[in-house]
């Protein structure tokens, strides 16, 4: 799954805040739970197609271990935990 963020929520140095990422992940997680999705591989990019870093945001959210390069791997357990936030 690739989420495209508008330029008004992308921070300098092409990153995203924990607040923004947390909201997006909450929506994704609740939707995945409703559709009985087993897991999600999640990428973030801007409107130009440039990768947006989620490193700082995932650290702030306490899920940095889910990062694999630029992909965020959301297992069923992580999806469930994020859906409850």
N, C-alpha and C. Protein backbone atom coordinates (compact mmCIF):
# COMPACT_ATOMS: atom_id res chain seq x y z
N UNK A 1 0.85 -1.17 0.00
CA UNK A 1 0.00 0.00 0.00
C UNK A 1 0.90 1.23 0.00
N UNK A 2 0.62 2.16 -0.88
CA UNK A 2 1.35 3.42 -0.90
C UNK A 2 0.39 4.54 -0.56
N UNK A 3 0.77 5.36 0.40
CA UNK A 3 -0.03 6.52 0.78
C UNK A 3 0.67 7.75 0.26
N UNK A 4 -0.06 8.60 -0.45
CA UNK A 4 0.48 9.84 -1.00
C UNK A 4 0.03 10.99 -0.11
N UNK A 5 1.01 11.72 0.42
CA UNK A 5 0.72 12.85 1.30
C UNK A 5 0.82 14.15 0.53
N UNK A 6 -0.10 15.05 0.78
CA UNK A 6 -0.04 16.37 0.15
C UNK A 6 1.12 17.16 0.74
N UNK A 7 1.58 18.12 -0.01
CA UNK A 7 2.78 18.87 0.39
C UNK A 7 2.61 19.62 1.70
N UNK A 8 1.39 19.92 2.11
CA UNK A 8 1.20 20.68 3.36
C UNK A 8 1.44 19.85 4.61
N UNK A 9 1.54 18.52 4.50
CA UNK A 9 1.83 17.71 5.68
C UNK A 9 3.23 17.10 5.64
N UNK A 10 3.95 17.30 4.54
CA UNK A 10 5.32 16.79 4.45
C UNK A 10 6.26 17.83 5.05
N UNK A 11 7.12 17.37 5.94
CA UNK A 11 8.06 18.25 6.64
C UNK A 11 9.32 18.46 5.80
N UNK A 12 10.11 19.47 6.15
CA UNK A 12 11.40 19.65 5.48
C UNK A 12 12.20 18.36 5.55
N UNK A 13 13.02 18.13 4.56
CA UNK A 13 13.83 16.90 4.44
C UNK A 13 12.95 15.69 4.16
N UNK A 14 11.77 15.93 3.61
CA UNK A 14 10.87 14.86 3.18
C UNK A 14 10.60 13.84 4.29
N UNK A 15 10.03 14.30 5.38
CA UNK A 15 9.63 13.41 6.47
C UNK A 15 8.20 13.74 6.88
N UNK A 16 7.66 12.92 7.74
CA UNK A 16 6.30 13.10 8.20
C UNK A 16 6.28 13.03 9.73
N UNK A 17 5.37 13.75 10.35
CA UNK A 17 5.29 13.75 11.81
C UNK A 17 4.55 12.51 12.32
N UNK A 18 4.79 12.20 13.58
CA UNK A 18 4.10 11.09 14.22
C UNK A 18 2.59 11.33 14.25
N UNK A 19 2.20 12.56 14.44
CA UNK A 19 0.76 12.89 14.48
C UNK A 19 0.09 12.52 13.15
N UNK A 20 0.69 12.95 12.05
CA UNK A 20 0.12 12.65 10.73
C UNK A 20 0.17 11.15 10.44
N UNK A 21 1.33 10.54 10.66
CA UNK A 21 1.46 9.11 10.38
C UNK A 21 0.52 8.30 11.27
N UNK A 22 0.41 8.69 12.52
CA UNK A 22 -0.47 7.97 13.43
C UNK A 22 -1.92 7.98 12.97
N UNK A 23 -2.37 9.13 12.48
CA UNK A 23 -3.75 9.21 11.98
C UNK A 23 -3.95 8.32 10.76
N UNK A 24 -3.00 8.38 9.83
CA UNK A 24 -3.09 7.56 8.62
C UNK A 24 -3.06 6.07 8.98
N UNK A 25 -2.14 5.69 9.86
CA UNK A 25 -2.04 4.28 10.25
C UNK A 25 -3.28 3.81 11.00
N UNK A 26 -3.89 4.68 11.77
CA UNK A 26 -5.14 4.32 12.44
C UNK A 26 -6.23 3.97 11.45
N UNK A 27 -6.36 4.78 10.41
CA UNK A 27 -7.36 4.52 9.37
C UNK A 27 -7.04 3.22 8.64
N UNK A 28 -5.78 3.08 8.24
CA UNK A 28 -5.36 1.86 7.53
C UNK A 28 -5.61 0.63 8.40
N UNK A 29 -5.24 0.71 9.65
CA UNK A 29 -5.38 -0.43 10.55
C UNK A 29 -6.82 -0.82 10.78
N UNK A 30 -7.68 0.17 11.01
CA UNK A 30 -9.10 -0.15 11.22
C UNK A 30 -9.71 -0.74 9.96
N UNK A 31 -9.34 -0.21 8.80
CA UNK A 31 -9.86 -0.75 7.53
C UNK A 31 -9.35 -2.17 7.30
N UNK A 32 -8.07 -2.41 7.58
CA UNK A 32 -7.51 -3.75 7.41
C UNK A 32 -8.20 -4.74 8.33
N UNK A 33 -8.48 -4.30 9.54
CA UNK A 33 -9.16 -5.17 10.50
C UNK A 33 -10.57 -5.52 10.01
N UNK A 34 -11.29 -4.52 9.49
CA UNK A 34 -12.65 -4.75 8.99
C UNK A 34 -12.66 -5.68 7.79
N UNK A 35 -11.60 -5.62 6.96
CA UNK A 35 -11.51 -6.45 5.76
C UNK A 35 -10.78 -7.76 6.02
N UNK A 36 -10.38 -7.99 7.28
CA UNK A 36 -9.68 -9.21 7.67
C UNK A 36 -8.36 -9.40 6.91
N UNK A 37 -7.63 -8.30 6.73
CA UNK A 37 -6.33 -8.32 6.07
C UNK A 37 -5.29 -8.82 7.05
N UNK A 38 -4.44 -9.74 6.60
CA UNK A 38 -3.45 -10.34 7.48
C UNK A 38 -2.26 -9.46 7.78
N UNK A 39 -1.90 -8.56 6.89
CA UNK A 39 -0.76 -7.68 7.09
C UNK A 39 -0.68 -6.68 5.95
N UNK A 40 0.09 -5.63 6.18
CA UNK A 40 0.21 -4.56 5.20
C UNK A 40 1.67 -4.14 5.08
N UNK A 41 2.12 -3.96 3.85
CA UNK A 41 3.42 -3.33 3.60
C UNK A 41 3.09 -1.93 3.14
N UNK A 42 3.61 -0.94 3.84
CA UNK A 42 3.15 0.44 3.75
C UNK A 42 4.32 1.33 3.32
N UNK A 43 4.12 2.14 2.28
CA UNK A 43 5.10 3.11 1.82
C UNK A 43 4.46 4.49 1.83
N UNK A 44 5.25 5.53 2.04
CA UNK A 44 4.74 6.90 2.02
C UNK A 44 5.55 7.69 1.01
N UNK A 45 4.84 8.45 0.17
CA UNK A 45 5.50 9.33 -0.78
C UNK A 45 4.72 10.63 -0.88
N UNK A 46 5.38 11.65 -1.45
CA UNK A 46 4.70 12.92 -1.64
C UNK A 46 4.01 12.95 -3.00
N UNK A 47 3.39 14.07 -3.31
CA UNK A 47 2.64 14.21 -4.56
C UNK A 47 3.53 14.06 -5.79
N UNK A 48 4.83 14.29 -5.64
CA UNK A 48 5.78 14.19 -6.75
C UNK A 48 6.29 12.76 -6.92
N UNK A 49 5.94 11.87 -6.00
CA UNK A 49 6.41 10.49 -6.06
C UNK A 49 7.70 10.24 -5.31
N UNK A 50 8.16 11.24 -4.54
CA UNK A 50 9.38 11.10 -3.76
C UNK A 50 9.06 10.39 -2.44
N UNK A 51 9.90 9.43 -2.06
CA UNK A 51 9.72 8.75 -0.79
C UNK A 51 9.76 9.75 0.36
N UNK A 52 8.86 9.57 1.32
CA UNK A 52 8.82 10.40 2.52
C UNK A 52 9.27 9.53 3.69
N UNK A 53 10.22 10.00 4.44
CA UNK A 53 10.77 9.24 5.56
C UNK A 53 9.76 9.13 6.70
N UNK A 54 9.65 7.94 7.22
CA UNK A 54 8.81 7.71 8.40
C UNK A 54 9.65 7.32 9.62
N UNK A 55 10.98 7.44 9.49
CA UNK A 55 11.87 7.00 10.56
C UNK A 55 11.54 7.70 11.88
N UNK A 56 11.57 9.00 11.89
CA UNK A 56 11.33 9.75 13.13
C UNK A 56 9.91 9.51 13.65
N UNK A 57 8.94 9.51 12.75
CA UNK A 57 7.55 9.31 13.16
C UNK A 57 7.35 7.93 13.77
N UNK A 58 7.95 6.90 13.17
CA UNK A 58 7.79 5.55 13.73
C UNK A 58 8.50 5.43 15.07
N UNK A 59 9.63 6.12 15.22
CA UNK A 59 10.30 6.14 16.53
C UNK A 59 9.40 6.77 17.57
N UNK A 60 8.81 7.91 17.22
CA UNK A 60 7.91 8.60 18.16
C UNK A 60 6.68 7.78 18.50
N UNK A 61 6.21 6.98 17.53
CA UNK A 61 5.03 6.14 17.75
C UNK A 61 5.37 4.81 18.43
N UNK A 62 6.66 4.53 18.58
CA UNK A 62 7.08 3.29 19.22
C UNK A 62 6.99 2.07 18.33
N UNK A 63 7.05 2.26 17.01
CA UNK A 63 6.95 1.13 16.09
C UNK A 63 8.12 1.11 15.09
N UNK A 64 9.25 1.68 15.47
CA UNK A 64 10.41 1.75 14.57
C UNK A 64 10.89 0.37 14.15
N UNK A 65 10.67 -0.64 14.98
CA UNK A 65 11.10 -2.00 14.62
C UNK A 65 10.34 -2.53 13.41
N UNK A 66 9.24 -1.89 13.05
CA UNK A 66 8.44 -2.32 11.89
C UNK A 66 9.02 -1.82 10.57
N UNK A 67 10.01 -0.93 10.63
CA UNK A 67 10.60 -0.40 9.40
C UNK A 67 11.56 -1.39 8.78
N UNK A 68 11.47 -1.53 7.46
CA UNK A 68 12.40 -2.34 6.68
C UNK A 68 12.77 -1.48 5.48
N UNK A 69 13.86 -0.71 5.62
CA UNK A 69 14.20 0.26 4.58
C UNK A 69 13.17 1.37 4.60
N UNK A 70 12.52 1.61 3.46
CA UNK A 70 11.48 2.64 3.40
C UNK A 70 10.09 2.05 3.60
N UNK A 71 10.00 0.72 3.74
CA UNK A 71 8.71 0.06 3.94
C UNK A 71 8.40 -0.09 5.42
N UNK A 72 7.15 0.06 5.74
CA UNK A 72 6.67 -0.16 7.10
C UNK A 72 5.86 -1.45 7.05
N UNK A 73 6.33 -2.48 7.74
CA UNK A 73 5.68 -3.78 7.72
C UNK A 73 4.71 -3.89 8.89
N UNK A 74 3.45 -3.94 8.58
CA UNK A 74 2.42 -3.98 9.62
C UNK A 74 1.85 -5.39 9.70
N UNK A 75 2.28 -6.12 10.72
CA UNK A 75 1.80 -7.47 10.97
C UNK A 75 0.39 -7.39 11.56
N UNK A 76 -0.31 -8.52 11.62
CA UNK A 76 -1.64 -8.50 12.23
C UNK A 76 -1.63 -7.93 13.66
N UNK A 77 -0.59 -8.26 14.42
CA UNK A 77 -0.50 -7.75 15.80
C UNK A 77 -0.33 -6.23 15.82
N UNK A 78 0.53 -5.71 14.94
CA UNK A 78 0.72 -4.26 14.87
C UNK A 78 -0.54 -3.57 14.39
N UNK A 79 -1.19 -4.16 13.39
CA UNK A 79 -2.44 -3.57 12.89
C UNK A 79 -3.47 -3.48 14.00
N UNK A 80 -3.59 -4.54 14.78
CA UNK A 80 -4.55 -4.54 15.88
C UNK A 80 -4.21 -3.48 16.91
N UNK A 81 -2.94 -3.37 17.26
CA UNK A 81 -2.50 -2.38 18.25
C UNK A 81 -2.75 -0.96 17.73
N UNK A 82 -2.44 -0.72 16.45
CA UNK A 82 -2.66 0.61 15.87
C UNK A 82 -4.14 0.95 15.74
N UNK A 83 -4.95 -0.04 15.45
CA UNK A 83 -6.40 0.19 15.31
C UNK A 83 -7.02 0.63 16.63
N UNK A 84 -6.42 0.23 17.74
CA UNK A 84 -6.95 0.56 19.07
C UNK A 84 -6.54 1.95 19.55
N UNK A 85 -5.58 2.58 18.86
CA UNK A 85 -5.09 3.91 19.30
C UNK A 85 -6.12 4.98 19.06
